[in-house]
C-alpha atoms as a PDB file:
ATOM      1  CA  UNK A   1       0.000   0.000   0.000  1.00  0.00           C
ATOM      2  CA  UNK A   2       1.407   3.306  -1.000  1.00  0.00           C
ATOM      3  CA  UNK A   3       1.416   5.997   1.619  1.00  0.00           C
ATOM      4  CA  UNK A   4       1.728   9.019  -0.625  1.00  0.00           C
ATOM      5  CA  UNK A   5      -0.524  11.831   0.543  1.00  0.00           C
ATOM      6  CA  UNK A   6      -1.849  14.208  -2.096  1.00  0.00           C
ATOM      7  CA  UNK A   7      -4.088  17.247  -1.926  1.00  0.00           C
ATOM      8  CA  UNK A   8      -7.721  16.586  -2.798  1.00  0.00           C
ATOM      9  CA  UNK A   9      -7.664  19.581  -5.090  1.00  0.00           C
ATOM     10  CA  UNK A  10      -5.187  17.724  -7.273  1.00  0.00           C
ATOM     11  CA  UNK A  11      -7.033  14.417  -7.346  1.00  0.00           C
ATOM     12  CA  UNK A  12      -9.755  13.151  -9.686  1.00  0.00           C
ATOM     13  CA  UNK A  13     -12.879  12.038  -7.878  1.00  0.00           C
ATOM     14  CA  UNK A  14     -12.319   8.419  -8.875  1.00  0.00           C
ATOM     15  CA  UNK A  15      -9.089   8.119  -6.882  1.00  0.00           C
ATOM     16  CA  UNK A  16     -10.516   6.772  -3.638  1.00  0.00           C
ATOM     17  CA  UNK A  17      -7.891   4.634  -1.960  1.00  0.00           C
ATOM     18  CA  UNK A  18      -4.849   6.909  -1.616  1.00  0.00           C
ATOM     19  CA  UNK A  19      -4.379   8.956   1.531  1.00  0.00           C
ATOM     20  CA  UNK A  20      -5.436  12.488   0.739  1.00  0.00           C
ATOM     21  CA  UNK A  21      -5.941  15.850   2.401  1.00  0.00           C
ATOM     22  CA  UNK A  22      -9.524  16.592   3.385  1.00  0.00           C
ATOM     23  CA  UNK A  23      -9.290  20.288   2.522  1.00  0.00           C
ATOM     24  CA  UNK A  24      -7.143  22.071  -0.067  1.00  0.00           C
ATOM     25  CA  UNK A  25      -4.295  24.283   1.067  1.00  0.00           C
ATOM     26  CA  UNK A  26      -3.998  27.209   1.231  1.00  0.00           C
ATOM     27  CA  UNK A  27      -7.574  28.234   2.145  1.00  0.00           C
ATOM     28  CA  UNK A  28      -9.431  30.520  -0.228  1.00  0.00           C
ATOM     29  CA  UNK A  29     -10.674  32.752   2.563  1.00  0.00           C
ATOM     30  CA  UNK A  30      -9.304  34.006   5.873  1.00  0.00           C
ATOM     31  CA  UNK A  31      -9.027  31.351   8.550  1.00  0.00           C
ATOM     32  CA  UNK A  32     -11.208  32.810  11.292  1.00  0.00           C
ATOM     33  CA  UNK A  33     -11.837  29.599  13.229  1.00  0.00           C
ATOM     34  CA  UNK A  34      -8.242  28.888  14.036  1.00  0.00           C
ATOM     35  CA  UNK A  35      -7.391  25.497  15.479  1.00  0.00           C
ATOM     36  CA  UNK A  36     -10.495  23.686  14.211  1.00  0.00           C
ATOM     37  CA  UNK A  37     -10.002  24.648  10.579  1.00  0.00           C
ATOM     38  CA  UNK A  38      -6.266  23.950  10.763  1.00  0.00           C
ATOM     39  CA  UNK A  39      -6.754  20.489  12.195  1.00  0.00           C
ATOM     40  CA  UNK A  40      -9.342  19.497   9.612  1.00  0.00           C
ATOM     41  CA  UNK A  41      -7.408  21.055   6.724  1.00  0.00           C
ATOM     42  CA  UNK A  42      -4.341  19.065   7.660  1.00  0.00           C
ATOM     43  CA  UNK A  43      -6.262  15.823   8.169  1.00  0.00           C
ATOM     44  CA  UNK A  44      -5.744  13.049   5.637  1.00  0.00           C
ATOM     45  CA  UNK A  45      -7.910  10.063   4.773  1.00  0.00           C
ATOM     46  CA  UNK A  46      -6.323   6.620   4.839  1.00  0.00           C
ATOM     47  CA  UNK A  47      -7.281   3.390   3.140  1.00  0.00           C
ATOM     48  CA  UNK A  48     -10.568   1.932   4.328  1.00  0.00           C
ATOM     49  CA  UNK A  49     -11.405  -1.175   6.319  1.00  0.00           C
ATOM     50  CA  UNK A  50     -14.746  -2.830   5.701  1.00  0.00           C
ATOM     51  CA  UNK A  51     -17.044  -5.077   7.679  1.00  0.00           C
ATOM     52  CA  UNK A  52     -20.330  -5.987   6.015  1.00  0.00           C
ATOM     53  CA  UNK A  53     -22.143  -2.714   5.225  1.00  0.00           C
ATOM     54  CA  UNK A  54     -19.816  -0.537   7.318  1.00  0.00           C
ATOM     55  CA  UNK A  55     -16.647   1.091   5.973  1.00  0.00           C
ATOM     56  CA  UNK A  56     -14.211   2.864   8.288  1.00  0.00           C
ATOM     57  CA  UNK A  57     -11.590   5.313   7.027  1.00  0.00           C
ATOM     58  CA  UNK A  58      -8.697   6.150   9.371  1.00  0.00           C
ATOM     59  CA  UNK A  59      -7.911   9.846   9.647  1.00  0.00           C
ATOM     60  CA  UNK A  60      -4.441  11.318  10.160  1.00  0.00           C
ATOM     61  CA  UNK A  61      -3.550  14.841  11.265  1.00  0.00           C
ATOM     62  CA  UNK A  62      -0.128  16.447  11.211  1.00  0.00           C
ATOM     63  CA  UNK A  63       1.475  17.714  14.404  1.00  0.00           C
ATOM     64  CA  UNK A  64      -0.870  15.951  16.807  1.00  0.00           C
ATOM     65  CA  UNK A  65      -0.647  16.927  20.443  1.00  0.00           C
ATOM     66  CA  UNK A  66      -0.071  14.624  23.380  1.00  0.00           C
ATOM     67  CA  UNK A  67      -3.352  15.019  25.226  1.00  0.00           C
ATOM     68  CA  UNK A  68      -2.428  13.768  28.665  1.00  0.00           C
ATOM     69  CA  UNK A  69      -6.101  13.251  29.554  1.00  0.00           C
ATOM     70  CA  UNK A  70      -7.680  10.436  31.486  1.00  0.00           C
ATOM     71  CA  UNK A  71     -10.779   8.909  29.916  1.00  0.00           C
ATOM     72  CA  UNK A  72     -13.897   8.134  31.924  1.00  0.00           C
ATOM     73  CA  UNK A  73     -12.960   4.464  32.273  1.00  0.00           C
ATOM     74  CA  UNK A  74      -9.382   5.259  33.288  1.00  0.00           C
ATOM     75  CA  UNK A  75     -10.410   7.877  35.836  1.00  0.00           C
ATOM     76  CA  UNK A  76     -12.974   5.577  37.433  1.00  0.00           C
ATOM     77  CA  UNK A  77     -10.504   2.677  37.532  1.00  0.00           C
ATOM     78  CA  UNK A  78      -7.995   4.906  39.337  1.00  0.00           C
ATOM     79  CA  UNK A  79     -10.712   6.212  41.679  1.00  0.00           C
ATOM     80  CA  UNK A  80      -9.805   9.678  40.419  1.00  0.00           C
ATOM     81  CA  UNK A  81     -13.361  10.580  39.394  1.00  0.00           C
ATOM     82  CA  UNK A  82     -16.438  10.688  41.578  1.00  0.00           C
ATOM     83  CA  UNK A  83     -19.889  11.027  39.997  1.00  0.00           C
ATOM     84  CA  UNK A  84     -22.912  11.326  42.281  1.00  0.00           C
ATOM     85  CA  UNK A  85     -26.486  12.528  42.228  1.00  0.00           C
ATOM     86  CA  UNK A  86     -26.919  16.258  42.690  1.00  0.00           C
ATOM     87  CA  UNK A  87     -28.696  16.776  45.992  1.00  0.00           C
ATOM     88  CA  UNK A  88     -31.693  14.464  46.236  1.00  0.00           C
ATOM     89  CA  UNK A  89     -31.506  13.789  42.509  1.00  0.00           C
ATOM     90  CA  UNK A  90     -32.091  15.847  39.390  1.00  0.00           C
ATOM     91  CA  UNK A  91     -32.615  14.020  36.076  1.00  0.00           C
ATOM     92  CA  UNK A  92     -30.608  16.369  33.792  1.00  0.00           C
ATOM     93  CA  UNK A  93     -27.702  16.944  36.211  1.00  0.00           C
ATOM     94  CA  UNK A  94     -25.134  14.948  38.167  1.00  0.00           C
ATOM     95  CA  UNK A  95     -22.089  16.072  40.132  1.00  0.00           C
ATOM     96  CA  UNK A  96     -18.632  15.102  38.829  1.00  0.00           C
ATOM     97  CA  UNK A  97     -15.364  15.696  40.644  1.00  0.00           C
ATOM     98  CA  UNK A  98     -11.884  15.047  39.278  1.00  0.00           C
ATOM     99  CA  UNK A  99      -9.553  14.364  42.204  1.00  0.00           C
ATOM    100  CA  UNK A 100      -6.471  13.666  40.067  1.00  0.00           C
ATOM    101  CA  UNK A 101      -3.713  15.933  38.817  1.00  0.00           C
ATOM    102  CA  UNK A 102      -4.624  15.270  35.172  1.00  0.00           C
ATOM    103  CA  UNK A 103      -7.596  16.502  33.105  1.00  0.00           C
ATOM    104  CA  UNK A 104     -10.394  13.971  32.605  1.00  0.00           C
ATOM    105  CA  UNK A 105     -12.116  13.816  29.213  1.00  0.00           C
ATOM    106  CA  UNK A 106     -15.780  12.797  29.234  1.00  0.00           C
ATOM    107  CA  UNK A 107     -17.137  11.897  25.801  1.00  0.00           C
ATOM    108  CA  UNK A 108     -20.736  12.706  24.890  1.00  0.00           C
ATOM    109  CA  UNK A 109     -22.593   9.399  24.729  1.00  0.00           C
ATOM    110  CA  UNK A 110     -20.788   7.714  27.620  1.00  0.00           C
ATOM    111  CA  UNK A 111     -23.325   5.918  29.840  1.00  0.00           C
ATOM    112  CA  UNK A 112     -22.881   6.220  33.597  1.00  0.00           C
ATOM    113  CA  UNK A 113     -24.602   3.722  35.874  1.00  0.00           C
ATOM    114  CA  UNK A 114     -25.840   3.966  39.449  1.00  0.00           C
ATOM    115  CA  UNK A 115     -27.524   6.639  41.526  1.00  0.00           C
ATOM    116  CA  UNK A 116     -31.271   6.813  41.096  1.00  0.00           C
ATOM    117  CA  UNK A 117     -31.157   6.058  37.359  1.00  0.00           C
ATOM    118  CA  UNK A 118     -28.570   5.509  34.649  1.00  0.00           C
ATOM    119  CA  UNK A 119     -27.727   8.502  32.462  1.00  0.00           C
ATOM    120  CA  UNK A 120     -25.882   9.404  29.266  1.00  0.00           C
ATOM    121  CA  UNK A 121     -23.401  12.299  29.222  1.00  0.00           C
ATOM    122  CA  UNK A 122     -24.907  15.008  27.028  1.00  0.00           C
ATOM    123  CA  UNK A 123     -21.803  16.801  25.731  1.00  0.00           C
ATOM    124  CA  UNK A 124     -18.019  16.549  25.621  1.00  0.00           C
ATOM    125  CA  UNK A 125     -16.392  17.848  28.776  1.00  0.00           C
ATOM    126  CA  UNK A 126     -12.815  18.279  29.967  1.00  0.00           C
ATOM    127  CA  UNK A 127     -12.663  18.352  33.760  1.00  0.00           C
ATOM    128  CA  UNK A 128      -9.800  20.346  35.234  1.00  0.00           C
ATOM    129  CA  UNK A 129      -7.348  18.666  37.614  1.00  0.00           C
ATOM    130  CA  UNK A 130      -8.667  18.786  41.175  1.00  0.00           C
ATOM    131  CA  UNK A 131     -11.831  20.308  39.768  1.00  0.00           C
ATOM    132  CA  UNK A 132     -14.036  20.230  42.819  1.00  0.00           C
ATOM    133  CA  UNK A 133     -17.713  19.227  42.323  1.00  0.00           C
ATOM    134  CA  UNK A 134     -18.897  20.233  38.822  1.00  0.00           C
ATOM    135  CA  UNK A 135     -22.442  20.022  37.462  1.00  0.00           C
ATOM    136  CA  UNK A 136     -22.487  17.379  34.718  1.00  0.00           C
ATOM    137  CA  UNK A 137     -25.200  17.619  32.032  1.00  0.00           C
ATOM    138  CA  UNK A 138     -26.903  14.281  31.331  1.00  0.00           C
ATOM    139  CA  UNK A 139     -30.051  12.651  29.961  1.00  0.00           C
ATOM    140  CA  UNK A 140     -31.825   9.626  31.381  1.00  0.00           C
ATOM    141  CA  UNK A 141     -31.501   6.365  29.417  1.00  0.00           C
ATOM    142  CA  UNK A 142     -33.259   4.195  32.023  1.00  0.00           C
ATOM    143  CA  UNK A 143     -36.871   5.183  32.101  1.00  0.00           C
ATOM    144  CA  UNK A 144     -38.818   4.138  35.173  1.00  0.00           C
ATOM    145  CA  UNK A 145     -36.308   3.629  38.000  1.00  0.00           C
ATOM    146  CA  UNK A 146     -35.919   6.410  40.581  1.00  0.00           C
ATOM    147  CA  UNK A 147     -34.443   4.589  43.565  1.00  0.00           C
ATOM    148  CA  UNK A 148     -30.861   4.701  44.814  1.00  0.00           C
ATOM    149  CA  UNK A 149     -28.774   1.875  43.411  1.00  0.00           C
ATOM    150  CA  UNK A 150     -25.296   3.065  44.398  1.00  0.00           C
ATOM    151  CA  UNK A 151     -23.961   6.340  45.777  1.00  0.00           C
ATOM    152  CA  UNK A 152     -21.204   6.632  43.190  1.00  0.00           C
ATOM    153  CA  UNK A 153     -21.727   6.070  39.481  1.00  0.00           C
ATOM    154  CA  UNK A 154     -19.775   3.605  37.396  1.00  0.00           C
ATOM    155  CA  UNK A 155     -19.631   3.336  33.599  1.00  0.00           C
ATOM    156  CA  UNK A 156     -21.292   1.062  31.072  1.00  0.00           C
ATOM    157  CA  UNK A 157     -18.894  -0.905  28.872  1.00  0.00           C
ATOM    158  CA  UNK A 158     -20.606   0.348  25.726  1.00  0.00           C
ATOM    159  CA  UNK A 159     -21.114   3.844  24.379  1.00  0.00           C
ATOM    160  CA  UNK A 160     -24.516   5.071  23.230  1.00  0.00           C
ATOM    161  CA  UNK A 161     -25.096   4.214  19.564  1.00  0.00           C
ATOM    162  CA  UNK A 162     -24.253   6.688  16.818  1.00  0.00           C
ATOM    163  CA  UNK A 163     -27.783   7.903  16.181  1.00  0.00           C
ATOM    164  CA  UNK A 164     -28.284   8.825  19.818  1.00  0.00           C
ATOM    165  CA  UNK A 165     -24.914  10.594  19.924  1.00  0.00           C
ATOM    166  CA  UNK A 166     -25.989  12.505  16.830  1.00  0.00           C
ATOM    167  CA  UNK A 167     -29.237  13.443  18.586  1.00  0.00           C
ATOM    168  CA  UNK A 168     -27.347  14.683  21.657  1.00  0.00           C
ATOM    169  CA  UNK A 169     -25.679  17.245  19.399  1.00  0.00           C
ATOM    170  CA  UNK A 170     -28.987  18.649  18.162  1.00  0.00           C
ATOM    171  CA  UNK A 171     -29.975  22.003  19.719  1.00  0.00           C
ATOM    172  CA  UNK A 172     -33.592  20.801  19.716  1.00  0.00           C
ATOM    173  CA  UNK A 173     -32.887  17.604  21.668  1.00  0.00           C
ATOM    174  CA  UNK A 174     -35.030  16.951  24.765  1.00  0.00           C
ATOM    175  CA  UNK A 175     -35.413  14.188  27.341  1.00  0.00           C
ATOM    176  CA  UNK A 176     -38.529  12.988  25.514  1.00  0.00           C
ATOM    177  CA  UNK A 177     -36.533  12.666  22.294  1.00  0.00           C
ATOM    178  CA  UNK A 178     -33.874  10.625  24.108  1.00  0.00           C
ATOM    179  CA  UNK A 179     -36.453   8.277  25.623  1.00  0.00           C
ATOM    180  CA  UNK A 180     -38.082   7.843  22.215  1.00  0.00           C
ATOM    181  CA  UNK A 181     -34.752   6.961  20.581  1.00  0.00           C
ATOM    182  CA  UNK A 182     -33.846   4.543  23.380  1.00  0.00           C
ATOM    183  CA  UNK A 183     -37.213   2.800  22.953  1.00  0.00           C
ATOM    184  CA  UNK A 184     -36.894   2.715  19.159  1.00  0.00           C
ATOM    185  CA  UNK A 185     -33.360   1.332  19.150  1.00  0.00           C
ATOM    186  CA  UNK A 186     -34.066  -1.233  21.856  1.00  0.00           C
ATOM    187  CA  UNK A 187     -37.111  -2.526  19.984  1.00  0.00           C
ATOM    188  CA  UNK A 188     -35.137  -2.693  16.736  1.00  0.00           C
ATOM    189  CA  UNK A 189     -32.042  -4.528  17.930  1.00  0.00           C
ATOM    190  CA  UNK A 190     -33.165  -6.348  21.088  1.00  0.00           C
ATOM    191  CA  UNK A 191     -36.968  -6.674  21.121  1.00  0.00           C
ATOM    192  CA  UNK A 192     -37.027  -9.239  23.940  1.00  0.00           C
ATOM    193  CA  UNK A 193     -35.024  -6.897  26.150  1.00  0.00           C
ATOM    194  CA  UNK A 194     -37.153  -3.915  25.180  1.00  0.00           C
ATOM    195  CA  UNK A 195     -40.226  -5.770  26.389  1.00  0.00           C
ATOM    196  CA  UNK A 196     -38.757  -6.242  29.864  1.00  0.00           C
ATOM    197  CA  UNK A 197     -36.743  -3.083  30.499  1.00  0.00           C
ATOM    198  CA  UNK A 198     -36.496   0.481  29.243  1.00  0.00           C
ATOM    199  CA  UNK A 199     -32.748   0.822  29.738  1.00  0.00           C
ATOM    200  CA  UNK A 200     -30.477   1.321  26.720  1.00  0.00           C
ATOM    201  CA  UNK A 201     -27.561  -0.472  28.371  1.00  0.00           C
ATOM    202  CA  UNK A 202     -29.609  -3.657  28.683  1.00  0.00           C
ATOM    203  CA  UNK A 203     -30.234  -3.653  24.924  1.00  0.00           C
ATOM    204  CA  UNK A 204     -26.534  -3.138  24.214  1.00  0.00           C
ATOM    205  CA  UNK A 205     -25.740  -6.032  26.557  1.00  0.00           C
ATOM    206  CA  UNK A 206     -28.054  -8.425  24.705  1.00  0.00           C
ATOM    207  CA  UNK A 207     -26.202 -11.544  23.500  1.00  0.00           C
ATOM    208  CA  UNK A 208     -27.230 -11.055  19.877  1.00  0.00           C
ATOM    209  CA  UNK A 209     -26.286  -7.389  19.898  1.00  0.00           C
ATOM    210  CA  UNK A 210     -22.908  -8.081  21.499  1.00  0.00           C
ATOM    211  CA  UNK A 211     -22.196 -10.744  18.886  1.00  0.00           C
ATOM    212  CA  UNK A 212     -23.163  -8.326  16.133  1.00  0.00           C
ATOM    213  CA  UNK A 213     -20.931  -5.573  17.505  1.00  0.00           C
ATOM    214  CA  UNK A 214     -18.009  -7.980  17.605  1.00  0.00           C
ATOM    215  CA  UNK A 215     -18.609  -9.159  14.032  1.00  0.00           C
ATOM    216  CA  UNK A 216     -18.440  -5.565  12.834  1.00  0.00           C
ATOM    217  CA  UNK A 217     -15.623  -4.292  15.031  1.00  0.00           C
ATOM    218  CA  UNK A 218     -13.211  -7.242  14.873  1.00  0.00           C
ATOM    219  CA  UNK A 219     -12.295  -6.943  11.142  1.00  0.00           C
ATOM    220  CA  UNK A 220     -11.608  -3.197  11.497  1.00  0.00           C
ATOM    221  CA  UNK A 221      -7.925  -2.540  12.103  1.00  0.00           C
ATOM    222  CA  UNK A 222      -6.748   1.059  12.087  1.00  0.00           C
ATOM    223  CA  UNK A 223      -3.109   2.214  12.028  1.00  0.00           C
ATOM    224  CA  UNK A 224      -1.704   3.336  15.406  1.00  0.00           C
ATOM    225  CA  UNK A 225      -0.833   6.705  13.862  1.00  0.00           C
ATOM    226  CA  UNK A 226      -4.521   7.489  13.216  1.00  0.00           C
ATOM    227  CA  UNK A 227      -6.117  10.158  15.381  1.00  0.00           C
ATOM    228  CA  UNK A 228      -9.652   9.746  14.109  1.00  0.00           C
ATOM    229  CA  UNK A 229     -12.009   7.931  11.769  1.00  0.00           C
ATOM    230  CA  UNK A 230     -14.875   8.438   9.371  1.00  0.00           C
ATOM    231  CA  UNK A 231     -17.616   5.806   9.402  1.00  0.00           C
ATOM    232  CA  UNK A 232     -19.736   5.093   6.326  1.00  0.00           C
ATOM    233  CA  UNK A 233     -22.809   2.872   6.750  1.00  0.00           C
ATOM    234  CA  UNK A 234     -24.880   1.760   3.805  1.00  0.00           C
ATOM    235  CA  UNK A 235     -23.165   4.229   1.494  1.00  0.00           C
ATOM    236  CA  UNK A 236     -23.741   7.272   3.748  1.00  0.00           C
ATOM    237  CA  UNK A 237     -21.414   8.979   6.194  1.00  0.00           C
ATOM    238  CA  UNK A 238     -22.700   8.074   9.643  1.00  0.00           C
ATOM    239  CA  UNK A 239     -20.184  10.149  11.567  1.00  0.00           C
ATOM    240  CA  UNK A 240     -16.675  11.557  11.756  1.00  0.00           C
ATOM    241  CA  UNK A 241     -14.551  11.536  14.917  1.00  0.00           C
ATOM    242  CA  UNK A 242     -11.300  13.542  15.060  1.00  0.00           C
ATOM    243  CA  UNK A 243      -9.146  13.789  18.169  1.00  0.00           C
ATOM    244  CA  UNK A 244      -6.332  16.211  18.827  1.00  0.00           C
ATOM    245  CA  UNK A 245      -4.078  13.362  19.900  1.00  0.00           C
ATOM    246  CA  UNK A 246      -3.600   9.738  18.891  1.00  0.00           C
ATOM    247  CA  UNK A 247      -3.503   8.357  22.420  1.00  0.00           C
ATOM    248  CA  UNK A 248      -7.009   9.472  23.369  1.00  0.00           C
ATOM    249  CA  UNK A 249      -8.416   8.159  20.098  1.00  0.00           C
ATOM    250  CA  UNK A 250      -6.691   4.804  20.595  1.00  0.00           C
ATOM    251  CA  UNK A 251      -8.289   4.432  24.023  1.00  0.00           C
ATOM    252  CA  UNK A 252     -11.787   5.306  22.787  1.00  0.00           C
ATOM    253  CA  UNK A 253     -11.622   3.783  19.290  1.00  0.00           C
ATOM    254  CA  UNK A 254     -13.144   0.388  20.083  1.00  0.00           C
ATOM    255  CA  UNK A 255     -16.037   1.891  22.014  1.00  0.00           C
ATOM    256  CA  UNK A 256     -16.755   4.216  19.117  1.00  0.00           C
ATOM    257  CA  UNK A 257     -16.532   1.410  16.550  1.00  0.00           C
ATOM    258  CA  UNK A 258     -19.007  -0.726  18.482  1.00  0.00           C
ATOM    259  CA  UNK A 259     -21.396   2.215  18.876  1.00  0.00           C
ATOM    260  CA  UNK A 260     -21.500   2.712  15.108  1.00  0.00           C
ATOM    261  CA  UNK A 261     -21.807  -1.045  14.601  1.00  0.00           C
ATOM    262  CA  UNK A 262     -25.145  -0.996  16.443  1.00  0.00           C
ATOM    263  CA  UNK A 263     -26.471   1.374  13.775  1.00  0.00           C
ATOM    264  CA  UNK A 264     -24.924  -0.669  10.955  1.00  0.00           C
ATOM    265  CA  UNK A 265     -26.775  -3.768  12.199  1.00  0.00           C
ATOM    266  CA  UNK A 266     -30.044  -1.951  11.702  1.00  0.00           C
ATOM    267  CA  UNK A 267     -29.255  -0.524   8.253  1.00  0.00           C
ATOM    268  CA  UNK A 268     -31.279  -2.000   5.389  1.00  0.00           C
ATOM    269  CA  UNK A 269     -28.253  -1.942   3.052  1.00  0.00           C
ATOM    270  CA  UNK A 270     -26.536  -5.259   3.807  1.00  0.00           C
ATOM    271  CA  UNK A 271     -23.892  -5.493   1.105  1.00  0.00           C
ATOM    272  CA  UNK A 272     -20.430  -3.943   1.258  1.00  0.00           C
ATOM    273  CA  UNK A 273     -20.489  -0.638  -0.636  1.00  0.00           C
ATOM    274  CA  UNK A 274     -17.557   0.196  -2.903  1.00  0.00           C
ATOM    275  CA  UNK A 275     -14.984   2.358  -1.075  1.00  0.00           C
ATOM    276  CA  UNK A 276     -15.411   6.048  -1.831  1.00  0.00           C
ATOM    277  CA  UNK A 277     -13.043   8.401  -0.031  1.00  0.00           C
ATOM    278  CA  UNK A 278     -14.574  11.242  -2.063  1.00  0.00           C
ATOM    279  CA  UNK A 279     -17.776  10.765  -0.083  1.00  0.00           C
ATOM    280  CA  UNK A 280     -15.898  11.395   3.167  1.00  0.00           C
ATOM    281  CA  UNK A 281     -13.996  14.310   1.648  1.00  0.00           C
ATOM    282  CA  UNK A 282     -17.217  16.011   0.524  1.00  0.00           C
ATOM    283  CA  UNK A 283     -18.814  15.447   3.922  1.00  0.00           C
ATOM    284  CA  UNK A 284     -15.970  16.935   5.952  1.00  0.00           C
ATOM    285  CA  UNK A 285     -15.449  19.791   3.496  1.00  0.00           C
ATOM    286  CA  UNK A 286     -18.906  21.031   4.495  1.00  0.00           C
ATOM    287  CA  UNK A 287     -17.422  21.996   7.840  1.00  0.00           C
ATOM    288  CA  UNK A 288     -16.044  25.101   6.109  1.00  0.00           C
ATOM    289  CA  UNK A 289     -19.575  26.442   5.675  1.00  0.00           C
ATOM    290  CA  UNK A 290     -21.023  25.284   9.003  1.00  0.00           C
ATOM    291  CA  UNK A 291     -21.755  27.653  11.861  1.00  0.00           C
ATOM    292  CA  UNK A 292     -19.864  27.419  15.136  1.00  0.00           C
ATOM    293  CA  UNK A 293     -21.965  28.308  18.153  1.00  0.00           C
ATOM    294  CA  UNK A 294     -20.264  28.736  21.521  1.00  0.00           C
ATOM    295  CA  UNK A 295     -21.886  26.391  24.035  1.00  0.00           C
ATOM    296  CA  UNK A 296     -21.863  26.729  27.778  1.00  0.00           C
ATOM    297  CA  UNK A 297     -19.368  24.359  29.362  1.00  0.00           C
ATOM    298  CA  UNK A 298     -18.414  23.896  32.990  1.00  0.00           C
ATOM    299  CA  UNK A 299     -15.088  22.323  32.044  1.00  0.00           C
ATOM    300  CA  UNK A 300     -11.829  23.802  30.861  1.00  0.00           C
ATOM    301  CA  UNK A 301     -11.453  24.846  27.254  1.00  0.00           C
ATOM    302  CA  UNK A 302     -14.184  25.957  24.875  1.00  0.00           C
ATOM    303  CA  UNK A 303     -17.057  23.917  23.459  1.00  0.00           C
ATOM    304  CA  UNK A 304     -18.644  24.761  20.110  1.00  0.00           C
ATOM    305  CA  UNK A 305     -21.841  23.435  18.628  1.00  0.00           C
ATOM    306  CA  UNK A 306     -21.718  22.796  14.873  1.00  0.00           C
ATOM    307  CA  UNK A 307     -24.851  23.771  12.956  1.00  0.00           C
ATOM    308  CA  UNK A 308     -25.894  24.393   9.361  1.00  0.00           C
ATOM    309  CA  UNK A 309     -25.705  21.364   7.074  1.00  0.00           C
ATOM    310  CA  UNK A 310     -23.857  19.389   9.722  1.00  0.00           C
ATOM    311  CA  UNK A 311     -24.412  18.901  13.416  1.00  0.00           C
ATOM    312  CA  UNK A 312     -21.843  18.018  16.019  1.00  0.00           C
ATOM    313  CA  UNK A 313     -19.482  19.619  18.448  1.00  0.00           C
ATOM    314  CA  UNK A 314     -15.867  20.678  18.836  1.00  0.00           C
ATOM    315  CA  UNK A 315     -14.000  20.903  22.115  1.00  0.00           C
ATOM    316  CA  UNK A 316     -10.786  22.912  22.224  1.00  0.00           C
ATOM    317  CA  UNK A 317      -8.419  23.490  25.101  1.00  0.00           C
ATOM    318  CA  UNK A 318      -6.511  26.700  24.470  1.00  0.00           C
ATOM    319  CA  UNK A 319      -4.654  26.435  27.755  1.00  0.00           C
ATOM    320  CA  UNK A 320      -2.864  23.428  26.277  1.00  0.00           C
ATOM    321  CA  UNK A 321      -0.885  25.659  23.888  1.00  0.00           C
ATOM    322  CA  UNK A 322       0.081  22.670  21.769  1.00  0.00           C
ATOM    323  CA  UNK A 323      -0.551  21.589  18.186  1.00  0.00           C
ATOM    324  CA  UNK A 324      -4.126  22.495  17.240  1.00  0.00           C
ATOM    325  CA  UNK A 325      -5.463  22.757  20.812  1.00  0.00           C
ATOM    326  CA  UNK A 326      -8.299  20.464  19.706  1.00  0.00           C
ATOM    327  CA  UNK A 327      -9.528  17.810  22.103  1.00  0.00           C
ATOM    328  CA  UNK A 328     -12.315  16.254  19.990  1.00  0.00           C
ATOM    329  CA  UNK A 329     -14.493  17.024  16.982  1.00  0.00           C
ATOM    330  CA  UNK A 330     -17.603  15.010  16.129  1.00  0.00           C
ATOM    331  CA  UNK A 331     -19.503  15.545  12.886  1.00  0.00           C
ATOM    332  CA  UNK A 332     -22.891  14.124  11.900  1.00  0.00           C
ATOM    333  CA  UNK A 333     -25.557  14.810   9.323  1.00  0.00           C
ATOM    334  CA  UNK A 334     -28.015  17.483  10.397  1.00  0.00           C
ATOM    335  CA  UNK A 335     -31.002  15.246   9.665  1.00  0.00           C
ATOM    336  CA  UNK A 336     -32.318  13.106  12.519  1.00  0.00           C
ATOM    337  CA  UNK A 337     -31.958   9.732  10.769  1.00  0.00           C
ATOM    338  CA  UNK A 338     -29.469   9.854   7.882  1.00  0.00           C
ATOM    339  CA  UNK A 339     -28.987   6.083   7.747  1.00  0.00           C
ATOM    340  CA  UNK A 340     -31.750   4.071   6.033  1.00  0.00           C
ATOM    341  CA  UNK A 341     -33.049   1.848   8.826  1.00  0.00           C
ATOM    342  CA  UNK A 342     -35.285  -1.193   8.543  1.00  0.00           C
ATOM    343  CA  UNK A 343     -38.688  -0.793  10.204  1.00  0.00           C
ATOM    344  CA  UNK A 344     -38.867  -2.385  13.630  1.00  0.00           C
ATOM    345  CA  UNK A 345     -39.825  -6.039  13.481  1.00  0.00           C
ATOM    346  CA  UNK A 346     -39.597  -6.472   9.688  1.00  0.00           C
ATOM    347  CA  UNK A 347     -36.831  -9.075   9.746  1.00  0.00           C
ATOM    348  CA  UNK A 348     -34.185 -10.465  12.086  1.00  0.00           C
ATOM    349  CA  UNK A 349     -31.266  -8.247  12.971  1.00  0.00           C
ATOM    350  CA  UNK A 350     -28.681 -10.997  12.365  1.00  0.00           C
ATOM    351  CA  UNK A 351     -28.820 -14.335  10.553  1.00  0.00           C
END
């Protein structure tokens, strides 16, 4: 495999397998969005890996930083992160406290378990070292329970599926929308579980779903130098994940792959689509015309919502003063359900 990297502006659309720049250089207009534009402009697309109807393209960015963050799983394992109910309990808020000397990165879509009900983290957050108690925005993904299970929250092994993570990025998202998506997905991929519980984590823990996630994720091998990926399901871009450093991506990669696999299992397009890096290029290029909206964040750094043709978010940490100062960028289609899904109950999820 040749590793030559060429500018997209110099490539014909039919050249889909070579590693290529996502955006042409130099830009045709002033760069007013600093680190985000620079990171994406300097990101290259690698050769794809395919599993059934899902194609994953590794992404490579020049001059990546060394993040030095702890992930949710790492922080909990080290007992460096405490997550509790806020007061007597408040559905959209928990309290999180980082007791370590390193920042802790919480990824939107992580499911935390315990308290009075299990929740999903609503947006990316970088907790400062020795942060003190911080209000953590969440949505409920376990409808019905409101009794104390444990004082401190743990973490689910799996991440919320791609469509729910996309929904979390929508400015119009509400708790009712989250409950509706949890019910829809559970009924689609694990109907027997959906009949007995209204908790997303139970559906993701279903034997058939776990087997399906493994069948999708196992054939996908990404180079260690990748700091992100673009996922195409059924011929459409399901999502793009770009991290400011390779280490953080490597630690979260498998969780992200399995989360997209849950959507791929439900897609009506079963065959492997022909690789098309141009599809990913065109998708990410739309970031140039998207609107960045500053979002309120209780963590360090700045969080932007991405609106206008795309939806998603971008978390930057300017105090880092390294590379692009980008922690994480997620990009999704603006539409609620961009992937063609089979109606619930029409046919088995897996053979």
